[in-house]
Protein backbone atom coordinates (compact mmCIF):
# COMPACT_ATOMS: atom_id res chain seq x y z
CA MET A 1 -0.15 0.11 -0.15
CA PHE A 2 0.98 3.89 -0.88
CA GLU A 3 0.70 4.94 2.33
CA GLU A 4 2.55 1.79 4.51
CA LYS A 5 6.15 2.68 4.47
CA PHE A 6 5.65 6.21 6.12
CA PHE A 7 4.28 4.59 9.15
CA LYS A 8 5.79 1.05 9.31
CA ASN A 9 6.75 0.22 13.19
CA ARG A 10 5.32 3.00 14.64
CA LYS A 11 2.10 4.51 15.97
CA ALA A 12 -0.54 7.08 16.09
CA SER A 13 -0.39 9.29 19.38
CA ARG A 14 -4.19 11.12 19.52
CA VAL A 15 -2.76 14.16 21.34
CA LYS A 16 -0.55 14.52 18.37
CA LEU A 17 -3.03 13.95 15.77
CA MET A 18 -5.15 16.47 17.06
CA SER A 19 -2.76 18.93 17.85
CA TYR A 20 -1.72 18.88 13.94
CA GLY A 21 -5.44 19.16 12.57
CA PHE A 22 -6.97 15.91 12.71
CA SER A 23 -10.91 15.95 13.40
CA GLU A 24 -11.78 12.38 15.39
CA THR A 25 -14.64 10.45 12.86
CA LEU A 26 -16.43 7.30 13.81
CA ASN A 27 -13.72 5.66 12.80
CA GLY A 28 -10.60 6.79 13.87
CA TYR A 29 -9.36 10.45 12.35
CA LYS A 30 -9.35 12.84 9.34
CA TYR A 31 -7.11 15.71 8.10
CA SER A 32 -7.32 17.62 4.96
CA THR A 33 -4.91 19.62 3.22
CA ALA A 34 -4.60 21.53 -0.31
CA VAL A 35 -1.49 20.45 -2.84
CA MET A 36 -0.31 21.50 -5.96
CA ASN A 37 -1.51 24.77 -5.40
CA GLY A 38 -5.26 23.95 -4.54
CA GLN A 39 -5.31 21.43 -7.68
CA PHE A 40 -5.69 18.66 -5.67
CA VAL A 41 -7.25 18.11 -1.62
CA LEU A 42 -5.44 15.18 -0.31
CA TYR A 43 -7.54 13.80 2.45
CA VAL A 44 -5.58 11.62 5.03
CA PHE A 45 -7.58 8.63 7.41
CA VAL A 46 -6.15 7.11 10.56
CA THR A 47 -8.15 4.18 11.78
CA GLY A 48 -8.17 3.42 15.44
CA ASP A 49 -5.60 0.59 15.01
CA GLY A 50 -3.37 3.12 13.49
CA THR A 51 -4.10 2.25 9.52
CA VAL A 52 -3.24 5.28 7.29
CA ALA A 53 -4.68 5.45 4.21
CA THR A 54 -5.37 8.57 2.06
CA LYS A 55 -7.71 10.12 -1.07
CA MET A 56 -6.54 12.86 -3.51
CA ILE A 57 -9.00 14.51 -4.63
CA ASP A 58 -9.10 17.32 -8.25
CA THR A 59 -10.93 19.95 -6.94
CA ALA A 60 -11.85 21.16 -10.49
CA SER A 61 -13.95 17.72 -11.45
CA ASP A 62 -14.12 16.40 -8.00
CA GLU A 63 -13.20 12.62 -8.70
CA GLU A 64 -10.07 10.99 -6.99
CA TYR A 65 -6.84 10.96 -8.48
CA THR A 66 -4.91 8.18 -7.81
CA LEU A 67 -2.15 7.97 -10.56
CA HIS A 68 0.52 8.87 -7.62
CA LYS A 69 -0.49 5.94 -5.82
CA ILE A 70 1.23 3.61 -9.18
CA GLU A 71 4.91 2.77 -9.03
CA SER A 72 4.68 2.66 -12.95
CA SER A 73 3.05 5.70 -13.15
CA VAL A 74 6.02 8.30 -14.56
CA GLY A 75 6.22 11.89 -16.11
CA ALA A 76 7.30 15.32 -14.18
CA TYR A 77 3.68 15.97 -13.23
CA VAL A 78 2.92 13.08 -11.60
CA GLY A 79 6.01 12.94 -10.04
CA GLU A 80 5.10 16.10 -8.51
CA VAL A 81 2.07 15.32 -7.40
CA ARG A 82 3.67 11.98 -5.82
CA ALA A 83 6.48 14.33 -4.19
CA GLU A 84 4.07 16.20 -2.26
CA CYS A 85 1.59 13.36 -1.00
CA GLU A 86 4.75 11.97 0.09
CA SER A 87 6.09 15.12 2.14
CA VAL A 88 2.71 15.76 3.47
CA LEU A 89 2.75 11.86 4.95
CA ARG A 90 6.35 12.21 5.85
CA ASP A 91 5.53 15.08 7.94
CA ILE A 92 2.16 13.61 9.83
CA SER A 93 4.71 10.30 10.64
CA GLU A 94 7.26 12.00 11.99
CA LYS A 95 4.78 14.52 14.08
CA CYS A 96 1.85 12.54 14.88
CA PHE A 97 3.25 9.12 15.33
CA ASP A 98 5.85 7.39 17.88
CA PRO A 99 8.47 4.93 17.20
CA ASP A 100 6.67 1.22 17.93
CA ILE A 101 10.23 -1.28 17.51
CA PHE A 102 10.32 -2.86 20.69
CA HIS A 103 7.35 -5.13 22.26
CA GLY A 104 9.17 -7.57 24.32
CA GLU A 105 7.78 -7.28 28.37
CA GLN A 106 11.47 -6.45 29.88
CA THR A 107 12.46 -4.17 27.04
CA LEU A 108 9.30 -2.08 27.94
CA ALA A 109 9.68 -1.99 31.47
CA VAL A 110 13.46 -0.93 30.96
CA ILE A 111 12.40 2.07 28.66
CA GLU A 112 9.82 2.97 31.43
CA TYR A 113 12.26 2.86 33.72
CA VAL A 114 14.73 5.07 31.67
CA ARG A 115 12.06 7.36 31.02
CA GLU A 116 10.77 7.93 34.79
CA ARG A 117 14.63 8.34 35.90
CA TYR A 118 16.37 10.04 33.85
CA GLY A 119 13.48 11.35 31.71
CA ASP A 120 15.15 10.24 28.48
CA GLU A 121 13.17 8.42 25.29
CA PRO A 122 15.20 6.02 23.04
CA GLU A 123 16.47 7.91 20.04
CA PHE A 124 16.14 6.21 16.77
CA LEU A 125 19.32 7.67 15.17
CA TRP A 126 19.71 5.68 12.12
CA GLU A 127 17.54 5.57 9.09
CA LYS A 128 19.02 2.49 7.36
CA PHE A 129 18.69 0.43 11.07
CA SER A 130 15.20 1.81 12.35
CA ASP A 131 15.23 -1.14 14.91
CA ASN A 132 18.13 0.09 17.06
CA ALA A 133 18.27 2.75 19.25
CA VAL A 134 20.42 4.90 21.81
CA TRP A 135 20.01 6.80 25.04
CA ARG A 136 21.71 9.75 25.38
CA ARG A 137 23.09 11.96 28.97
CA ARG A 138 21.12 15.51 28.29
CA ASP A 139 24.16 17.10 29.97
CA ASN A 140 27.41 16.06 27.40
CA ARG A 141 24.88 13.95 24.57
CA LYS A 142 27.21 10.74 25.45
CA TRP A 143 25.48 7.00 24.95
CA TYR A 144 25.00 5.10 28.36
CA GLY A 145 22.55 2.71 26.70
CA LEU A 146 21.39 0.94 23.40
CA ILE A 147 17.91 -1.20 22.40
CA LEU A 148 18.80 -3.87 19.64
CA THR A 149 17.10 -5.90 17.86
CA ILE A 150 19.52 -8.85 16.58
CA PRO A 151 19.57 -12.94 16.14
CA ARG A 152 21.32 -14.42 19.05
CA SER A 153 23.42 -15.64 16.37
CA LYS A 154 25.12 -12.47 16.51
CA LEU A 155 26.24 -12.73 20.19
CA GLY A 156 28.10 -16.62 19.50
CA LEU A 157 24.81 -18.52 20.11
CA ILE A 158 23.20 -21.07 18.36
CA SER A 159 19.91 -19.67 16.71
CA ASP A 160 18.62 -17.18 14.40
CA GLU A 161 15.50 -15.67 16.33
CA ILE A 162 15.51 -12.00 16.26
CA VAL A 163 16.03 -10.99 20.05
CA GLU A 164 15.72 -7.72 21.86
CA VAL A 165 19.36 -6.64 23.42
CA ILE A 166 20.73 -3.79 26.07
CA ASP A 167 24.01 -2.56 25.50
CA LEU A 168 25.66 -1.06 28.28
CA ARG A 169 28.59 0.76 29.31
CA ILE A 170 31.60 -0.80 31.71
CA LYS A 171 34.78 -0.14 33.48
CA PRO A 172 37.11 -2.13 31.45
CA GLU A 173 38.71 -4.04 34.44
CA LYS A 174 35.50 -5.68 35.19
CA THR A 175 34.66 -6.68 31.82
CA PRO A 176 36.67 -9.98 32.31
CA GLN A 177 34.44 -11.08 35.42
CA THR A 178 31.48 -9.88 34.08
CA VAL A 179 30.97 -11.05 30.36
CA ASP A 180 30.25 -14.97 30.70
CA ASN A 181 28.77 -15.87 27.04
CA MET A 182 25.73 -16.80 28.58
CA ARG A 183 24.03 -14.11 30.26
CA TYR A 184 26.59 -11.08 29.74
CA PHE A 185 27.76 -10.99 26.40
CA PRO A 186 30.61 -8.91 24.65
CA GLY A 187 29.10 -5.19 23.39
CA TRP A 188 27.39 -6.03 20.42
CA HIS A 189 28.79 -3.40 17.93
CA MET A 190 30.44 -1.65 20.48
CA ASN A 191 33.53 -1.42 22.12
CA LYS A 192 34.25 -4.82 23.87
CA LYS A 193 36.37 -3.27 26.28
CA SER A 194 34.18 -1.14 27.67
CA TRP A 195 30.64 -2.39 26.58
CA TYR A 196 28.78 -5.32 27.15
CA THR A 197 25.15 -6.93 26.00
CA ILE A 198 22.33 -8.37 27.99
CA ILE A 199 19.52 -10.30 26.30
CA LEU A 200 16.11 -8.63 27.45
CA ASP A 201 14.33 -12.19 27.27
CA GLY A 202 14.66 -12.38 31.68
CA SER A 203 17.90 -14.57 31.27
CA VAL A 204 18.96 -11.82 33.50
CA PRO A 205 16.64 -10.32 36.59
CA THR A 206 14.88 -6.80 35.63
CA GLU A 207 15.69 -5.46 38.41
CA GLU A 208 19.46 -6.02 37.89
CA ILE A 209 19.47 -4.32 34.95
CA PHE A 210 18.26 -1.39 35.95
CA ARG A 211 20.77 -1.09 38.54
CA ARG A 212 23.53 -1.60 35.35
CA ILE A 213 21.71 1.11 33.60
CA ASP A 214 22.61 3.76 36.41
CA GLU A 215 25.98 2.32 36.47
CA SER A 216 26.26 3.21 32.87
CA TYR A 217 24.82 6.62 33.15
CA ILE A 218 27.14 7.68 35.58
CA LEU A 219 30.40 6.06 33.31
CA ALA A 220 29.06 8.23 30.54
CA PHE A 221 29.36 11.01 32.69
CA LYS A 222 33.36 10.94 32.28
């Protein structure tokens, strides 16, 4: 579907939708805006489950225009219409939808802990790796944690199951006695002397992870 790529792994925020200019309907939310200097009106519909659909109406004929949704449609005009429509959808996605990447029970508990203790939200810094996020201290912008989605095999385990993991800082002198390749693993995609990885599957108690997040936060101050 034409609209799907802009809203993948994202969930609608009612507050943000209403602030943006959406109005509530029986089935969800509706927004309209003029495009192509008023030649068309673009209607954007968001259902209660977050599905997004659009309808482009030609103001002169009052008929629906759909060529911009067809990938094989080419030409300067249809390209311009498509670009304006995509610009609107991209803006709505960024301003009215929140990331919806992580779903594990322990992962969500960790995210909530960081939110309440430090007031930080996971930051999604890489478009190419949209299922990875970081936490940064507000005072010096240094990373103190990452949440990543990777196969278990990346940690040396015999499984391609996709899991959510957390990377945390550690004092280099503590790394050898901490990393056991069963519960604590060498830091994935980070300096393995000063970072380590925990799978967020309950193998390490949640309260223990909270404590280790606090330690990592302090280490990021230096």
